[in-house]
C-alpha cells in the first residue's frame, strides 16, 4: 500500500499529458516485470480460457489509470485519492452481482456515508468547476478499478501476481502507444525521474504485491486493507508537494474512510 500510494504525488509531479504518462508508465513497467519474471523463472503462459478476462482486466486498468490521473491533474492529491477510494463500497455492491456472493444490507449504509463524504469533497456540484469534474473522474476511475479487481479475483489463484501485471501493463502500453507520437523526446526525457518511479515503485512493485494478496482475501477485504492508501498519499503530497488538504476535504475523507473502517471491523468480527 505504501508503494501504490505514491501514485497520487507522482501523478501530480509528472508534467506530461495524461495518456503519455500512462503509456510510458505501462511500457516501462512491462519491461521491468518481464525481465523479473524471466529472471525468477515465473511462467508467463495464460490459458486460452482465461485470456479474454485478462485482456479485459488490462483495458479496465488502462481506463482506471487514465481517469485517476485526470482527476489528480484537475484537483490535488487529497481530492484525487479520496474520490478514488469510493471503490471499496462500489466493490461491495458489485461483487454480489458479478461473483454471486451474498449482498449485505449494511453496505447501503456505507454507501450513504460515502455520498456524505463526496458532498464535503465537492465545493459545489457545478460541472464547470474543475474540482467537481475531478471528483466525477475519480469515482469513474473507482468503478473501473472495482470491476478490474473483481474480474482478476477469479484468476489470481491460478497465476503469479507478476504474470498478471506483465499482461496488464503490456495491454496498457499497447493501447496508449500512439500517444507517444504527440510529445517531443526531449520533453519526455525531462520527466524521466517521475516516470521511472511510477513504473517501478508504484506499478511493478506496488501493484504486483497488491495482486498477490488476491490469493488470501476477498476483493472487499482487499479494498478495506488498501484504505490506508489515501492517508499515505496525502502525507506524501503534503511533504513533497506542500499540498495541505482543506478542512472540508478532511471531513469528506473521514466519511469515506470511515465507511471502510466500519466494514473492516465488521468483516474481522
C-alpha atoms as a PDB file:
ATOM      1  CA  UNK A   1       0.000   0.000   0.000  1.00  0.00           C
ATOM      2  CA  UNK A   2       2.892   2.367   0.691  1.00  0.00           C
ATOM      3  CA  UNK A   3       4.312   1.808  -2.804  1.00  0.00           C
ATOM      4  CA  UNK A   4       0.932   2.092  -4.542  1.00  0.00           C
ATOM      5  CA  UNK A   5       0.052   5.283  -2.657  1.00  0.00           C
ATOM      6  CA  UNK A   6       2.944   7.121  -4.314  1.00  0.00           C
ATOM      7  CA  UNK A   7       0.736   7.338  -7.426  1.00  0.00           C
ATOM      8  CA  UNK A   8      -1.033  10.466  -6.165  1.00  0.00           C
ATOM      9  CA  UNK A   9       2.046  12.622  -5.648  1.00  0.00           C
ATOM     10  CA  UNK A  10       3.781  11.249  -8.758  1.00  0.00           C
ATOM     11  CA  UNK A  11       0.651  11.798 -10.845  1.00  0.00           C
ATOM     12  CA  UNK A  12       0.778  15.473  -9.842  1.00  0.00           C
ATOM     13  CA  UNK A  13       4.565  15.705 -10.191  1.00  0.00           C
ATOM     14  CA  UNK A  14       4.927  14.399 -13.759  1.00  0.00           C
ATOM     15  CA  UNK A  15       4.228  17.317 -16.108  1.00  0.00           C
ATOM     16  CA  UNK A  16       3.088  15.466 -19.234  1.00  0.00           C
ATOM     17  CA  UNK A  17      -0.267  14.820 -20.949  1.00  0.00           C
ATOM     18  CA  UNK A  18      -2.041  12.037 -19.058  1.00  0.00           C
ATOM     19  CA  UNK A  19      -2.103   9.488 -21.943  1.00  0.00           C
ATOM     20  CA  UNK A  20       1.653   9.988 -22.438  1.00  0.00           C
ATOM     21  CA  UNK A  21       2.346   9.495 -18.725  1.00  0.00           C
ATOM     22  CA  UNK A  22       0.246   6.315 -18.594  1.00  0.00           C
ATOM     23  CA  UNK A  23       1.742   4.955 -21.835  1.00  0.00           C
ATOM     24  CA  UNK A  24       5.328   5.367 -20.642  1.00  0.00           C
ATOM     25  CA  UNK A  25       4.420   4.048 -17.191  1.00  0.00           C
ATOM     26  CA  UNK A  26       2.867   0.940 -18.741  1.00  0.00           C
ATOM     27  CA  UNK A  27       5.683   0.290 -21.217  1.00  0.00           C
ATOM     28  CA  UNK A  28       8.493   0.679 -18.668  1.00  0.00           C
ATOM     29  CA  UNK A  29       6.665  -1.404 -16.065  1.00  0.00           C
ATOM     30  CA  UNK A  30       6.054  -4.107 -18.673  1.00  0.00           C
ATOM     31  CA  UNK A  31       9.774  -4.443 -19.437  1.00  0.00           C
ATOM     32  CA  UNK A  32      10.763  -4.399 -15.748  1.00  0.00           C
ATOM     33  CA  UNK A  33       8.206  -7.080 -14.892  1.00  0.00           C
ATOM     34  CA  UNK A  34       9.004  -9.166 -17.973  1.00  0.00           C
ATOM     35  CA  UNK A  35      12.725  -9.254 -17.089  1.00  0.00           C
ATOM     36  CA  UNK A  36      11.864 -10.032 -13.450  1.00  0.00           C
ATOM     37  CA  UNK A  37       9.642 -12.964 -14.446  1.00  0.00           C
ATOM     38  CA  UNK A  38      12.334 -14.370 -16.737  1.00  0.00           C
ATOM     39  CA  UNK A  39      14.997 -13.971 -14.053  1.00  0.00           C
ATOM     40  CA  UNK A  40      12.847 -15.666 -11.395  1.00  0.00           C
ATOM     41  CA  UNK A  41      11.504 -18.338 -13.747  1.00  0.00           C
ATOM     42  CA  UNK A  42       7.911 -17.196 -13.226  1.00  0.00           C
ATOM     43  CA  UNK A  43       5.744 -18.686 -16.011  1.00  0.00           C
ATOM     44  CA  UNK A  44       4.095 -16.210 -18.372  1.00  0.00           C
ATOM     45  CA  UNK A  45       1.678 -18.629 -20.019  1.00  0.00           C
ATOM     46  CA  UNK A  46      -2.015 -17.766 -19.782  1.00  0.00           C
ATOM     47  CA  UNK A  47      -4.574 -20.454 -20.541  1.00  0.00           C
ATOM     48  CA  UNK A  48      -6.694 -19.803 -23.618  1.00  0.00           C
ATOM     49  CA  UNK A  49      -9.867 -19.838 -21.498  1.00  0.00           C
ATOM     50  CA  UNK A  50      -8.507 -17.015 -19.310  1.00  0.00           C
ATOM     51  CA  UNK A  51      -7.079 -14.713 -21.980  1.00  0.00           C
ATOM     52  CA  UNK A  52     -10.247 -12.732 -22.639  1.00  0.00           C
ATOM     53  CA  UNK A  53     -10.684 -11.885 -18.949  1.00  0.00           C
ATOM     54  CA  UNK A  54      -7.009 -10.925 -18.585  1.00  0.00           C
ATOM     55  CA  UNK A  55      -7.285  -8.653 -21.641  1.00  0.00           C
ATOM     56  CA  UNK A  56     -10.493  -7.115 -20.294  1.00  0.00           C
ATOM     57  CA  UNK A  57      -8.730  -6.566 -16.961  1.00  0.00           C
ATOM     58  CA  UNK A  58      -5.939  -4.733 -18.797  1.00  0.00           C
ATOM     59  CA  UNK A  59      -8.402  -2.488 -20.635  1.00  0.00           C
ATOM     60  CA  UNK A  60     -10.182  -1.647 -17.361  1.00  0.00           C
ATOM     61  CA  UNK A  61      -6.828  -0.955 -15.683  1.00  0.00           C
ATOM     62  CA  UNK A  62      -5.951   1.419 -18.532  1.00  0.00           C
ATOM     63  CA  UNK A  63      -9.246   3.302 -18.114  1.00  0.00           C
ATOM     64  CA  UNK A  64      -8.732   3.376 -14.339  1.00  0.00           C
ATOM     65  CA  UNK A  65      -5.269   4.929 -14.634  1.00  0.00           C
ATOM     66  CA  UNK A  66      -6.378   7.487 -17.238  1.00  0.00           C
ATOM     67  CA  UNK A  67      -9.385   8.758 -15.284  1.00  0.00           C
ATOM     68  CA  UNK A  68      -7.458   8.734 -11.989  1.00  0.00           C
ATOM     69  CA  UNK A  69      -4.595  10.826 -13.375  1.00  0.00           C
ATOM     70  CA  UNK A  70      -7.031  13.290 -14.949  1.00  0.00           C
ATOM     71  CA  UNK A  71      -8.665  13.603 -11.504  1.00  0.00           C
ATOM     72  CA  UNK A  72      -5.249  14.309  -9.949  1.00  0.00           C
ATOM     73  CA  UNK A  73      -4.321  16.915 -12.553  1.00  0.00           C
ATOM     74  CA  UNK A  74      -7.650  18.752 -12.176  1.00  0.00           C
ATOM     75  CA  UNK A  75      -7.547  18.865  -8.362  1.00  0.00           C
ATOM     76  CA  UNK A  76      -4.899  17.715  -5.868  1.00  0.00           C
ATOM     77  CA  UNK A  77      -3.579  14.532  -4.240  1.00  0.00           C
ATOM     78  CA  UNK A  78      -6.190  14.514  -1.467  1.00  0.00           C
ATOM     79  CA  UNK A  79      -9.234  15.033  -3.740  1.00  0.00           C
ATOM     80  CA  UNK A  80      -7.965  12.582  -6.361  1.00  0.00           C
ATOM     81  CA  UNK A  81      -7.151   9.777  -3.922  1.00  0.00           C
ATOM     82  CA  UNK A  82     -10.229  10.189  -1.709  1.00  0.00           C
ATOM     83  CA  UNK A  83     -12.641  10.204  -4.674  1.00  0.00           C
ATOM     84  CA  UNK A  84     -10.918   7.070  -5.994  1.00  0.00           C
ATOM     85  CA  UNK A  85     -11.419   5.435  -2.617  1.00  0.00           C
ATOM     86  CA  UNK A  86     -15.122   5.191  -3.123  1.00  0.00           C
ATOM     87  CA  UNK A  87     -14.140   1.933  -4.854  1.00  0.00           C
ATOM     88  CA  UNK A  88     -14.356  -0.315  -1.748  1.00  0.00           C
ATOM     89  CA  UNK A  89     -18.053   0.494  -1.391  1.00  0.00           C
ATOM     90  CA  UNK A  90     -18.582   0.217  -5.166  1.00  0.00           C
ATOM     91  CA  UNK A  91     -16.894  -3.190  -4.913  1.00  0.00           C
ATOM     92  CA  UNK A  92     -19.211  -4.203  -2.085  1.00  0.00           C
ATOM     93  CA  UNK A  93     -22.218  -3.513  -4.339  1.00  0.00           C
ATOM     94  CA  UNK A  94     -20.758  -5.080  -7.496  1.00  0.00           C
ATOM     95  CA  UNK A  95     -19.237  -8.236  -6.003  1.00  0.00           C
ATOM     96  CA  UNK A  96     -22.595  -9.894  -5.141  1.00  0.00           C
ATOM     97  CA  UNK A  97     -23.901  -9.185  -8.644  1.00  0.00           C
ATOM     98  CA  UNK A  98     -20.826 -10.430 -10.531  1.00  0.00           C
ATOM     99  CA  UNK A  99     -19.443 -13.172  -8.272  1.00  0.00           C
ATOM    100  CA  UNK A 100     -22.887 -14.196  -6.896  1.00  0.00           C
ATOM    101  CA  UNK A 101     -21.906 -13.660  -3.272  1.00  0.00           C
ATOM    102  CA  UNK A 102     -24.488 -12.656  -0.659  1.00  0.00           C
ATOM    103  CA  UNK A 103     -25.464  -8.971  -0.595  1.00  0.00           C
ATOM    104  CA  UNK A 104     -25.328  -7.419   2.861  1.00  0.00           C
ATOM    105  CA  UNK A 105     -27.703  -4.597   3.749  1.00  0.00           C
ATOM    106  CA  UNK A 106     -25.119  -2.717   5.811  1.00  0.00           C
ATOM    107  CA  UNK A 107     -23.450  -1.808   2.527  1.00  0.00           C
ATOM    108  CA  UNK A 108     -26.382   0.530   1.831  1.00  0.00           C
ATOM    109  CA  UNK A 109     -25.453   2.467   4.983  1.00  0.00           C
ATOM    110  CA  UNK A 110     -21.816   2.511   3.955  1.00  0.00           C
ATOM    111  CA  UNK A 111     -22.829   3.807   0.548  1.00  0.00           C
ATOM    112  CA  UNK A 112     -24.696   6.696   2.195  1.00  0.00           C
ATOM    113  CA  UNK A 113     -21.597   7.523   4.261  1.00  0.00           C
ATOM    114  CA  UNK A 114     -19.557   7.672   1.058  1.00  0.00           C
ATOM    115  CA  UNK A 115     -22.121  10.009  -0.525  1.00  0.00           C
ATOM    116  CA  UNK A 116     -21.811  12.284   2.528  1.00  0.00           C
ATOM    117  CA  UNK A 117     -18.053  12.255   2.033  1.00  0.00           C
ATOM    118  CA  UNK A 118     -18.405  13.226  -1.639  1.00  0.00           C
ATOM    119  CA  UNK A 119     -20.728  16.079  -0.606  1.00  0.00           C
ATOM    120  CA  UNK A 120     -17.978  17.571   1.580  1.00  0.00           C
ATOM    121  CA  UNK A 121     -15.273  16.997  -1.047  1.00  0.00           C
ATOM    122  CA  UNK A 122     -17.109  18.929  -3.750  1.00  0.00           C
ATOM    123  CA  UNK A 123     -17.166  22.748  -3.405  1.00  0.00           C
ATOM    124  CA  UNK A 124     -20.356  22.713  -5.486  1.00  0.00           C
ATOM    125  CA  UNK A 125     -21.951  20.384  -7.995  1.00  0.00           C
ATOM    126  CA  UNK A 126     -21.442  22.644 -10.996  1.00  0.00           C
ATOM    127  CA  UNK A 127     -19.800  20.674 -13.815  1.00  0.00           C
ATOM    128  CA  UNK A 128     -17.993  23.880 -14.754  1.00  0.00           C
ATOM    129  CA  UNK A 129     -15.964  23.542 -11.564  1.00  0.00           C
ATOM    130  CA  UNK A 130     -12.738  21.596 -12.158  1.00  0.00           C
ATOM    131  CA  UNK A 131     -12.772  20.059  -8.662  1.00  0.00           C
ATOM    132  CA  UNK A 132     -16.298  18.700  -9.196  1.00  0.00           C
ATOM    133  CA  UNK A 133     -15.244  17.227 -12.542  1.00  0.00           C
ATOM    134  CA  UNK A 134     -12.149  15.768 -10.862  1.00  0.00           C
ATOM    135  CA  UNK A 135     -14.325  14.043  -8.246  1.00  0.00           C
ATOM    136  CA  UNK A 136     -16.507  12.628 -11.015  1.00  0.00           C
ATOM    137  CA  UNK A 137     -13.408  11.331 -12.799  1.00  0.00           C
ATOM    138  CA  UNK A 138     -12.148   9.833  -9.536  1.00  0.00           C
ATOM    139  CA  UNK A 139     -15.449   7.990  -8.973  1.00  0.00           C
ATOM    140  CA  UNK A 140     -15.423   6.742 -12.577  1.00  0.00           C
ATOM    141  CA  UNK A 141     -11.862   5.546 -12.003  1.00  0.00           C
ATOM    142  CA  UNK A 142     -13.086   3.768  -8.864  1.00  0.00           C
ATOM    143  CA  UNK A 143     -15.734   1.947 -10.916  1.00  0.00           C
ATOM    144  CA  UNK A 144     -13.158   0.752 -13.470  1.00  0.00           C
ATOM    145  CA  UNK A 145     -10.817  -0.319 -10.653  1.00  0.00           C
ATOM    146  CA  UNK A 146     -13.525  -2.250  -8.811  1.00  0.00           C
ATOM    147  CA  UNK A 147     -14.530  -4.085 -11.998  1.00  0.00           C
ATOM    148  CA  UNK A 148     -10.912  -4.929 -12.809  1.00  0.00           C
ATOM    149  CA  UNK A 149     -10.284  -6.314  -9.321  1.00  0.00           C
ATOM    150  CA  UNK A 150     -13.426  -8.444  -9.372  1.00  0.00           C
ATOM    151  CA  UNK A 151     -12.567  -9.854 -12.803  1.00  0.00           C
ATOM    152  CA  UNK A 152      -8.996 -10.756 -11.796  1.00  0.00           C
ATOM    153  CA  UNK A 153     -10.021 -12.183  -8.428  1.00  0.00           C
ATOM    154  CA  UNK A 154     -11.080 -15.443 -10.094  1.00  0.00           C
ATOM    155  CA  UNK A 155      -7.743 -15.674 -11.932  1.00  0.00           C
ATOM    156  CA  UNK A 156      -5.379 -14.759  -9.083  1.00  0.00           C
ATOM    157  CA  UNK A 157      -5.308 -18.288  -7.637  1.00  0.00           C
ATOM    158  CA  UNK A 158      -4.000 -19.681 -10.931  1.00  0.00           C
ATOM    159  CA  UNK A 159      -1.300 -17.137 -11.798  1.00  0.00           C
ATOM    160  CA  UNK A 160       1.510 -15.254 -10.083  1.00  0.00           C
ATOM    161  CA  UNK A 161       0.816 -11.564  -9.465  1.00  0.00           C
ATOM    162  CA  UNK A 162       3.790 -10.576 -11.635  1.00  0.00           C
ATOM    163  CA  UNK A 163       2.438 -12.651 -14.525  1.00  0.00           C
ATOM    164  CA  UNK A 164      -0.900 -10.846 -14.447  1.00  0.00           C
ATOM    165  CA  UNK A 165       0.806  -7.462 -14.211  1.00  0.00           C
ATOM    166  CA  UNK A 166       3.028  -8.254 -17.226  1.00  0.00           C
ATOM    167  CA  UNK A 167      -0.108  -8.632 -19.327  1.00  0.00           C
ATOM    168  CA  UNK A 168      -1.890  -5.682 -17.681  1.00  0.00           C
ATOM    169  CA  UNK A 169       0.971  -3.262 -18.308  1.00  0.00           C
ATOM    170  CA  UNK A 170       1.621  -4.670 -21.788  1.00  0.00           C
ATOM    171  CA  UNK A 171      -2.006  -4.074 -22.803  1.00  0.00           C
ATOM    172  CA  UNK A 172      -1.897  -0.532 -21.384  1.00  0.00           C
ATOM    173  CA  UNK A 173       1.341   0.244 -23.228  1.00  0.00           C
ATOM    174  CA  UNK A 174      -0.080  -1.160 -26.481  1.00  0.00           C
ATOM    175  CA  UNK A 175      -3.358   0.756 -26.227  1.00  0.00           C
ATOM    176  CA  UNK A 176      -1.707   4.103 -25.465  1.00  0.00           C
ATOM    177  CA  UNK A 177       1.474   3.765 -27.526  1.00  0.00           C
ATOM    178  CA  UNK A 178       0.162   6.168 -30.251  1.00  0.00           C
ATOM    179  CA  UNK A 179       0.098   8.963 -27.627  1.00  0.00           C
ATOM    180  CA  UNK A 180       3.918   8.966 -27.626  1.00  0.00           C
ATOM    181  CA  UNK A 181       3.934  10.397 -31.162  1.00  0.00           C
ATOM    182  CA  UNK A 182       2.382  13.626 -29.854  1.00  0.00           C
ATOM    183  CA  UNK A 183       5.217  14.572 -27.483  1.00  0.00           C
ATOM    184  CA  UNK A 184       8.801  15.563 -28.290  1.00  0.00           C
ATOM    185  CA  UNK A 185      11.501  13.165 -26.976  1.00  0.00           C
ATOM    186  CA  UNK A 186      13.321  15.941 -25.014  1.00  0.00           C
ATOM    187  CA  UNK A 187      10.065  16.752 -23.197  1.00  0.00           C
ATOM    188  CA  UNK A 188       9.593  13.100 -22.345  1.00  0.00           C
ATOM    189  CA  UNK A 189      13.185  12.699 -21.140  1.00  0.00           C
ATOM    190  CA  UNK A 190      12.882  15.780 -18.924  1.00  0.00           C
ATOM    191  CA  UNK A 191      10.332  13.879 -16.797  1.00  0.00           C
ATOM    192  CA  UNK A 192      12.259  10.608 -16.576  1.00  0.00           C
ATOM    193  CA  UNK A 193      12.589  10.540 -12.754  1.00  0.00           C
ATOM    194  CA  UNK A 194       8.842  10.670 -12.122  1.00  0.00           C
ATOM    195  CA  UNK A 195       8.052   8.223 -14.928  1.00  0.00           C
ATOM    196  CA  UNK A 196      10.620   5.670 -13.721  1.00  0.00           C
ATOM    197  CA  UNK A 197       9.298   5.979 -10.156  1.00  0.00           C
ATOM    198  CA  UNK A 198       5.743   5.421 -11.400  1.00  0.00           C
ATOM    199  CA  UNK A 199       6.780   2.427 -13.484  1.00  0.00           C
ATOM    200  CA  UNK A 200       8.995   0.702 -10.901  1.00  0.00           C
ATOM    201  CA  UNK A 201       7.866   1.730  -7.398  1.00  0.00           C
ATOM    202  CA  UNK A 202       4.151   2.298  -7.923  1.00  0.00           C
ATOM    203  CA  UNK A 203       3.433  -0.219 -10.679  1.00  0.00           C
ATOM    204  CA  UNK A 204       5.988  -3.029 -10.910  1.00  0.00           C
ATOM    205  CA  UNK A 205       6.412  -3.383  -7.136  1.00  0.00           C
ATOM    206  CA  UNK A 206       3.234  -1.932  -5.651  1.00  0.00           C
ATOM    207  CA  UNK A 207       0.592  -3.353  -7.976  1.00  0.00           C
ATOM    208  CA  UNK A 208       2.284  -6.760  -8.179  1.00  0.00           C
ATOM    209  CA  UNK A 209       2.274  -7.085  -4.389  1.00  0.00           C
ATOM    210  CA  UNK A 210      -1.335  -5.895  -4.404  1.00  0.00           C
ATOM    211  CA  UNK A 211      -2.380  -8.584  -6.899  1.00  0.00           C
ATOM    212  CA  UNK A 212      -0.587 -11.248  -4.856  1.00  0.00           C
ATOM    213  CA  UNK A 213      -2.906 -10.517  -1.898  1.00  0.00           C
ATOM    214  CA  UNK A 214      -5.880 -11.639  -4.022  1.00  0.00           C
ATOM    215  CA  UNK A 215      -4.973 -15.248  -3.182  1.00  0.00           C
ATOM    216  CA  UNK A 216      -5.569 -14.662   0.522  1.00  0.00           C
ATOM    217  CA  UNK A 217      -8.559 -12.292   0.857  1.00  0.00           C
ATOM    218  CA  UNK A 218     -11.916 -11.468  -0.721  1.00  0.00           C
ATOM    219  CA  UNK A 219     -11.970  -8.440  -3.022  1.00  0.00           C
ATOM    220  CA  UNK A 220     -13.982  -6.464  -0.463  1.00  0.00           C
ATOM    221  CA  UNK A 221     -11.456  -7.273   2.284  1.00  0.00           C
ATOM    222  CA  UNK A 222      -8.586  -6.281  -0.010  1.00  0.00           C
ATOM    223  CA  UNK A 223     -10.353  -2.982  -0.638  1.00  0.00           C
ATOM    224  CA  UNK A 224     -10.594  -2.477   3.121  1.00  0.00           C
ATOM    225  CA  UNK A 225      -6.896  -3.188   3.691  1.00  0.00           C
ATOM    226  CA  UNK A 226      -5.973  -0.725   0.963  1.00  0.00           C
ATOM    227  CA  UNK A 227      -7.897   2.110   2.679  1.00  0.00           C
ATOM    228  CA  UNK A 228      -4.611   3.279   4.207  1.00  0.00           C
ATOM    229  CA  UNK A 229      -3.539   4.454   0.732  1.00  0.00           C
ATOM    230  CA  UNK A 230      -5.159   7.926   0.859  1.00  0.00           C
ATOM    231  CA  UNK A 231      -3.597   8.561   4.264  1.00  0.00           C
ATOM    232  CA  UNK A 232      -0.147   7.649   2.937  1.00  0.00           C
ATOM    233  CA  UNK A 233      -0.809   9.579  -0.273  1.00  0.00           C
ATOM    234  CA  UNK A 234      -1.963  12.769   1.442  1.00  0.00           C
ATOM    235  CA  UNK A 235       1.071  12.706   3.763  1.00  0.00           C
ATOM    236  CA  UNK A 236       3.407  12.190   0.784  1.00  0.00           C
ATOM    237  CA  UNK A 237       1.659  15.042  -1.076  1.00  0.00           C
ATOM    238  CA  UNK A 238       1.985  17.337   1.954  1.00  0.00           C
ATOM    239  CA  UNK A 239       5.695  16.561   2.427  1.00  0.00           C
ATOM    240  CA  UNK A 240       6.873  16.629  -1.190  1.00  0.00           C
ATOM    241  CA  UNK A 241       4.329  18.912  -2.931  1.00  0.00           C
ATOM    242  CA  UNK A 242       3.254  21.115   0.015  1.00  0.00           C
ATOM    243  CA  UNK A 243      -0.404  20.236  -0.658  1.00  0.00           C
ATOM    244  CA  UNK A 244      -2.253  20.656   2.643  1.00  0.00           C
ATOM    245  CA  UNK A 245      -5.883  19.433   2.369  1.00  0.00           C
ATOM    246  CA  UNK A 246      -8.710  21.833   3.266  1.00  0.00           C
ATOM    247  CA  UNK A 247     -10.916  21.179   6.306  1.00  0.00           C
ATOM    248  CA  UNK A 248     -13.873  20.138   4.117  1.00  0.00           C
ATOM    249  CA  UNK A 249     -11.604  17.669   2.320  1.00  0.00           C
ATOM    250  CA  UNK A 250     -10.576  16.156   5.657  1.00  0.00           C
ATOM    251  CA  UNK A 251     -14.236  15.877   6.744  1.00  0.00           C
ATOM    252  CA  UNK A 252     -15.151  14.212   3.446  1.00  0.00           C
ATOM    253  CA  UNK A 253     -12.202  11.879   3.821  1.00  0.00           C
ATOM    254  CA  UNK A 254     -13.335  10.911   7.326  1.00  0.00           C
ATOM    255  CA  UNK A 255     -16.756   9.907   5.962  1.00  0.00           C
ATOM    256  CA  UNK A 256     -15.296   7.919   3.052  1.00  0.00           C
ATOM    257  CA  UNK A 257     -12.562   6.171   5.035  1.00  0.00           C
ATOM    258  CA  UNK A 258     -14.944   5.783   7.978  1.00  0.00           C
ATOM    259  CA  UNK A 259     -17.172   3.584   5.826  1.00  0.00           C
ATOM    260  CA  UNK A 260     -14.130   1.441   5.042  1.00  0.00           C
ATOM    261  CA  UNK A 261     -13.171   1.180   8.729  1.00  0.00           C
ATOM    262  CA  UNK A 262     -16.721   0.116   9.661  1.00  0.00           C
ATOM    263  CA  UNK A 263     -16.629  -2.612   7.029  1.00  0.00           C
ATOM    264  CA  UNK A 264     -13.170  -3.641   8.232  1.00  0.00           C
ATOM    265  CA  UNK A 265     -14.328  -4.094  11.844  1.00  0.00           C
ATOM    266  CA  UNK A 266     -17.481  -5.883  10.717  1.00  0.00           C
ATOM    267  CA  UNK A 267     -15.545  -8.255   8.435  1.00  0.00           C
ATOM    268  CA  UNK A 268     -12.921  -9.058  11.076  1.00  0.00           C
ATOM    269  CA  UNK A 269     -15.654  -9.996  13.543  1.00  0.00           C
END
